[in-house]
Amino acid sequence: MMAKTTNNSKDIVNVEDTGYLTLQDFDFKAAIAEEMDGLNTFFERIKMPSGETTLYQLPSDNPEESEFTKEFSAVILHHHPIRAYFKSKFNGAANPPDCGSLDAVKGFGNPGGDCKSCIYNEYNSGDNGSKACKERHRLYLLREGELFPVILSLPTGSLKELSRYLMRLLTKGIKSSEVVTKFSLVKATNKGGIVYAKACFQMERKLTVEETSLVAGLSEQIKMLSRNIGFEDVDNEPAVLSKCDTVMDENEKSA
């Protein structure tokens, strides 16, 4: 057993160190229905750093004091591409996009429509030769000892590493929801000399048979709920990748 303390030193809760087996006594759907009735359902987010800082910003019990770490571990319950187009340049405000897509296929808003043929999906439509419409990948993550997922929205500069990691797992017949993944950050430089933080991924361990079954149940519920999650995790920050910094070139796709 291990002791987990809260902000009140007298309030001590004993938690068994049993990996993800705590899910066996938790009904995610029922908890959402009961506690969030009449309220907007949202997930706390893990934030990627801006610039060359290599620290993730994690949510904490105190919303006024975030936790920063170089690495953390979690199970990827679900993931999917998203797109977001902001007509106005980034001014520090957390405004929703003018157009967004939860599948990178069809956009909703202005201009909306087919993402593939959209003029804002072309290089040089944004600043510094980038695309005006941001390409990101949303990951729903469950950290050990927790019952509710958090969201990590990966920017374009980290998508190549995610693709490589998922392919490494697939070649072994493993899904990303069947392992605990370690997330870290390294510095990278684009063709224009801009330094930015790039996410890296490594398998930490495979889930046990019992853990895999429990996680699979939660994963299916998250997939359904993810269709109704907005774009709070997408910041209108300047892009760091241009046409020269292809996320995955044809050689890598065929390798």
Protein backbone atom coordinates (compact mmCIF):
# COMPACT_ATOMS: atom_id res chain seq x y z
CA MET A 1 0.00 0.00 0.00
CA MET A 2 1.10 3.56 -0.54
CA ALA A 3 -0.16 6.77 1.05
CA LYS A 4 -1.41 9.63 -1.08
CA THR A 5 -1.78 12.94 0.75
CA THR A 6 -4.02 15.86 -0.13
CA ASN A 7 -3.52 19.55 0.67
CA ASN A 8 -4.88 18.83 4.16
CA SER A 9 -2.12 17.01 6.04
CA LYS A 10 -4.75 15.25 8.18
CA ASP A 11 -6.51 13.89 5.11
CA ILE A 12 -4.63 10.75 4.09
CA VAL A 13 -6.03 8.24 1.63
CA ASN A 14 -4.58 4.78 1.21
CA VAL A 15 -4.41 3.67 -2.41
CA GLU A 16 -3.37 0.21 -3.54
CA ASP A 17 -0.57 0.24 -6.06
CA THR A 18 -2.41 -1.97 -8.56
CA GLY A 19 -1.75 -0.29 -11.89
CA TYR A 20 -4.97 0.29 -13.79
CA LEU A 21 -7.03 -2.27 -11.87
CA THR A 22 -8.80 0.54 -9.98
CA LEU A 23 -10.99 0.86 -13.09
CA GLN A 24 -12.82 -2.32 -12.13
CA ASP A 25 -14.84 -0.45 -9.51
CA PHE A 26 -15.47 2.66 -11.62
CA ASP A 27 -18.34 3.36 -14.03
CA PHE A 28 -17.20 6.29 -16.17
CA LYS A 29 -20.51 6.75 -17.99
CA ALA A 30 -22.55 6.71 -14.77
CA ALA A 31 -20.16 9.14 -13.08
CA ILE A 32 -20.45 11.61 -15.97
CA ALA A 33 -24.25 11.33 -16.04
CA GLU A 34 -24.56 11.89 -12.30
CA GLU A 35 -21.96 14.56 -11.63
CA MET A 36 -22.07 16.54 -14.91
CA ASP A 37 -25.84 16.71 -15.39
CA GLY A 38 -26.60 20.10 -16.96
CA LEU A 39 -22.91 20.98 -17.20
CA ASN A 40 -20.41 20.91 -20.05
CA THR A 41 -18.21 17.83 -20.04
CA PHE A 42 -14.56 18.60 -20.60
CA PHE A 43 -11.20 17.04 -19.92
CA GLU A 44 -8.24 18.67 -18.27
CA ARG A 45 -5.29 19.01 -20.59
CA ILE A 46 -1.59 18.41 -20.60
CA LYS A 47 0.04 21.32 -22.40
CA MET A 48 2.95 21.19 -24.78
CA PRO A 49 5.53 23.94 -24.15
CA SER A 50 5.97 26.89 -26.46
CA GLY A 51 9.42 27.73 -27.72
CA GLU A 52 12.36 25.52 -26.77
CA THR A 53 11.29 24.65 -23.23
CA THR A 54 11.20 20.87 -22.70
CA LEU A 55 8.67 20.64 -19.88
CA TYR A 56 5.10 19.39 -20.04
CA GLN A 57 2.52 21.34 -18.06
CA LEU A 58 0.31 18.91 -16.13
CA PRO A 59 -2.97 19.63 -14.36
CA SER A 60 -2.79 19.54 -10.57
CA ASP A 61 -5.19 19.50 -7.64
CA ASN A 62 -4.67 23.26 -7.33
CA PRO A 63 -5.83 24.91 -10.61
CA GLU A 64 -3.71 27.95 -9.79
CA GLU A 65 -0.49 25.94 -9.60
CA SER A 66 0.35 23.70 -12.54
CA GLU A 67 2.88 20.90 -12.33
CA PHE A 68 5.81 20.83 -14.77
CA THR A 69 7.71 17.70 -15.71
CA LYS A 70 10.17 16.48 -18.34
CA GLU A 71 8.32 13.19 -18.76
CA PHE A 72 5.25 11.29 -17.65
CA SER A 73 3.58 7.95 -18.37
CA ALA A 74 0.05 7.10 -19.46
CA VAL A 75 -2.10 4.77 -21.55
CA ILE A 76 -3.38 6.19 -24.85
CA LEU A 77 -7.11 5.42 -24.62
CA HIS A 78 -8.04 7.01 -27.93
CA HIS A 79 -6.49 9.36 -30.48
CA HIS A 80 -7.60 11.12 -33.64
CA PRO A 81 -6.55 14.00 -35.93
CA ILE A 82 -8.07 17.45 -35.62
CA ARG A 83 -7.80 20.66 -37.61
CA ALA A 84 -8.37 24.25 -36.58
CA TYR A 85 -8.34 27.47 -38.60
CA PHE A 86 -8.10 30.88 -36.94
CA LYS A 87 -8.84 33.90 -39.10
CA SER A 88 -7.12 36.29 -36.69
CA LYS A 89 -3.50 36.06 -35.61
CA PHE A 90 -2.62 34.80 -32.15
CA ASN A 91 -3.03 37.53 -29.50
CA GLY A 92 -2.79 35.43 -26.34
CA ALA A 93 -6.52 34.94 -25.96
CA ALA A 94 -8.07 31.46 -25.84
CA ASN A 95 -10.62 31.92 -28.61
CA PRO A 96 -12.35 29.06 -30.46
CA PRO A 97 -11.31 28.49 -34.08
CA ASP A 98 -13.32 29.96 -36.94
CA CYS A 99 -13.36 26.51 -38.52
CA GLY A 100 -12.61 23.15 -36.97
CA SER A 101 -12.66 19.44 -37.75
CA LEU A 102 -12.64 16.44 -35.41
CA ASP A 103 -11.59 14.02 -38.13
CA ALA A 104 -9.44 16.15 -40.49
CA VAL A 105 -11.91 15.29 -43.24
CA LYS A 106 -14.82 17.71 -42.89
CA GLY A 107 -14.61 21.15 -41.37
CA PHE A 108 -17.38 23.02 -39.58
CA GLY A 109 -17.55 26.80 -39.41
CA ASN A 110 -16.06 29.36 -41.77
CA PRO A 111 -15.10 28.26 -44.43
CA GLY A 112 -16.13 24.68 -43.56
CA GLY A 113 -16.41 21.83 -46.05
CA ASP A 114 -13.83 19.37 -47.38
CA CYS A 115 -10.52 19.70 -45.53
CA LYS A 116 -8.40 18.15 -48.27
CA SER A 117 -9.37 20.72 -50.91
CA CYS A 118 -9.53 23.71 -48.57
CA ILE A 119 -7.27 26.65 -49.52
CA TYR A 120 -6.16 26.95 -45.90
CA ASN A 121 -4.83 23.39 -46.05
CA GLU A 122 -2.16 24.50 -48.49
CA TYR A 123 1.37 25.48 -47.59
CA ASN A 124 2.07 29.24 -47.78
CA SER A 125 -1.52 29.99 -46.77
CA GLY A 126 -0.21 30.74 -43.27
CA ASP A 127 2.78 32.52 -41.79
CA ASN A 128 6.34 31.52 -42.72
CA GLY A 129 5.20 29.19 -45.48
CA SER A 130 3.04 27.09 -43.17
CA LYS A 131 -0.58 26.03 -43.52
CA ALA A 132 -3.17 28.47 -42.16
CA CYS A 133 -5.22 25.54 -40.89
CA LYS A 134 -3.44 23.85 -37.99
CA GLU A 135 -2.96 20.10 -38.05
CA ARG A 136 -2.88 18.48 -34.64
CA HIS A 137 -3.49 15.08 -33.11
CA ARG A 138 -5.57 14.71 -29.96
CA LEU A 139 -4.66 12.00 -27.46
CA TYR A 140 -6.89 10.92 -24.58
CA LEU A 141 -4.54 9.72 -21.87
CA LEU A 142 -5.09 7.86 -18.61
CA ARG A 143 -2.36 8.14 -16.03
CA GLU A 144 -1.86 5.41 -13.47
CA GLY A 145 -3.83 6.00 -10.28
CA GLU A 146 -6.38 8.24 -12.01
CA LEU A 147 -9.88 7.48 -13.28
CA PHE A 148 -10.57 10.34 -15.69
CA PRO A 149 -8.54 10.86 -18.87
CA VAL A 150 -6.66 14.02 -19.77
CA ILE A 151 -6.07 15.43 -23.25
CA LEU A 152 -2.75 16.04 -24.94
CA SER A 153 -2.99 17.93 -28.24
CA LEU A 154 0.12 17.27 -30.30
CA PRO A 155 1.22 20.00 -32.73
CA THR A 156 2.44 19.29 -36.25
CA GLY A 157 6.09 19.12 -35.19
CA SER A 158 5.43 16.00 -33.08
CA LEU A 159 3.27 14.02 -35.49
CA LYS A 160 6.16 12.27 -37.21
CA GLU A 161 7.40 10.86 -33.89
CA LEU A 162 3.90 9.71 -32.98
CA SER A 163 3.53 7.95 -36.35
CA ARG A 164 6.86 6.19 -35.88
CA TYR A 165 5.92 5.06 -32.38
CA LEU A 166 2.53 3.70 -33.40
CA MET A 167 4.08 1.86 -36.33
CA ARG A 168 6.69 0.30 -34.03
CA LEU A 169 3.87 -1.01 -31.85
CA LEU A 170 1.84 -2.26 -34.80
CA THR A 171 4.77 -4.25 -36.19
CA LYS A 172 4.66 -6.18 -32.92
CA GLY A 173 0.90 -6.60 -33.06
CA ILE A 174 0.34 -4.18 -30.20
CA LYS A 175 -2.20 -1.34 -29.97
CA SER A 176 -1.36 1.91 -28.21
CA SER A 177 -4.19 1.26 -25.73
CA GLU A 178 -2.50 -1.96 -24.63
CA VAL A 179 0.68 -0.42 -23.25
CA VAL A 180 1.86 2.25 -20.86
CA THR A 181 3.65 4.92 -22.90
CA LYS A 182 6.37 7.20 -21.59
CA PHE A 183 6.12 10.75 -22.94
CA SER A 184 9.18 13.00 -23.05
CA LEU A 185 10.40 16.09 -24.93
CA VAL A 186 13.47 16.99 -26.94
CA LYS A 187 14.57 20.16 -28.70
CA ALA A 188 14.22 20.25 -32.48
CA THR A 189 15.00 22.85 -35.12
CA ASN A 190 13.02 23.47 -38.30
CA LYS A 191 14.47 24.41 -41.68
CA GLY A 192 14.13 28.07 -40.82
CA GLY A 193 16.22 27.74 -37.66
CA ILE A 194 13.31 27.98 -35.22
CA VAL A 195 13.84 25.83 -32.11
CA TYR A 196 10.80 24.06 -30.70
CA ALA A 197 9.94 21.17 -28.36
CA LYS A 198 9.11 17.82 -29.97
CA ALA A 199 7.29 15.02 -28.17
CA CYS A 200 8.90 11.57 -27.98
CA PHE A 201 7.29 8.24 -27.12
CA GLN A 202 8.54 4.98 -25.68
CA MET A 203 6.77 1.84 -24.52
CA GLU A 204 7.23 1.48 -20.77
CA ARG A 205 5.38 -1.78 -20.27
CA LYS A 206 2.53 -3.87 -21.61
CA LEU A 207 -0.69 -3.90 -19.66
CA THR A 208 -1.66 -7.11 -17.92
CA VAL A 209 -4.54 -9.14 -19.36
CA GLU A 210 -6.89 -7.84 -16.68
CA GLU A 211 -5.74 -4.23 -17.13
CA THR A 212 -6.16 -4.48 -20.91
CA SER A 213 -9.78 -5.58 -20.53
CA LEU A 214 -10.61 -2.74 -18.14
CA VAL A 215 -8.87 -0.11 -20.25
CA ALA A 216 -10.63 -1.36 -23.40
CA GLY A 217 -14.02 -0.74 -21.81
CA LEU A 218 -13.11 2.83 -20.89
CA SER A 219 -11.54 3.40 -24.29
CA GLU A 220 -14.81 2.63 -26.07
CA GLN A 221 -16.68 5.11 -23.90
CA ILE A 222 -14.09 7.80 -24.59
CA LYS A 223 -14.38 7.22 -28.35
CA MET A 224 -18.10 7.97 -28.18
CA LEU A 225 -17.67 11.01 -25.95
CA SER A 226 -14.81 12.44 -28.02
CA ARG A 227 -17.26 13.32 -30.81
CA ASN A 228 -18.68 16.09 -28.62
CA ILE A 229 -15.47 17.61 -27.24
CA GLY A 230 -14.69 21.11 -28.51
CA PHE A 231 -11.40 22.80 -29.34
CA GLU A 232 -10.32 24.12 -25.94
CA ASP A 233 -7.01 22.27 -26.33
CA VAL A 234 -6.07 24.09 -29.57
CA ASP A 235 -4.15 27.32 -29.16
CA ASN A 236 -3.81 29.82 -31.99
CA GLU A 237 -0.04 29.91 -31.74
CA PRO A 238 2.32 30.54 -34.66
CA ALA A 239 3.21 27.41 -36.64
CA VAL A 240 6.79 26.14 -36.53
CA LEU A 241 6.69 23.88 -39.59
CA SER A 242 6.63 24.98 -43.22
CA LYS A 243 6.50 22.99 -46.46
CA CYS A 244 10.19 22.16 -46.04
CA ASP A 245 9.45 20.52 -42.70
CA THR A 246 7.19 17.75 -43.98
CA VAL A 247 5.56 15.77 -41.19
CA MET A 248 6.19 12.49 -42.99
CA ASP A 249 7.75 12.45 -46.44
CA GLU A 250 7.06 9.79 -49.03
CA ASN A 251 10.30 7.93 -48.30
CA GLU A 252 9.34 7.47 -44.66
CA LYS A 253 5.82 6.39 -45.58
CA SER A 254 7.15 3.63 -47.79
CA ALA A 255 9.96 2.54 -45.46
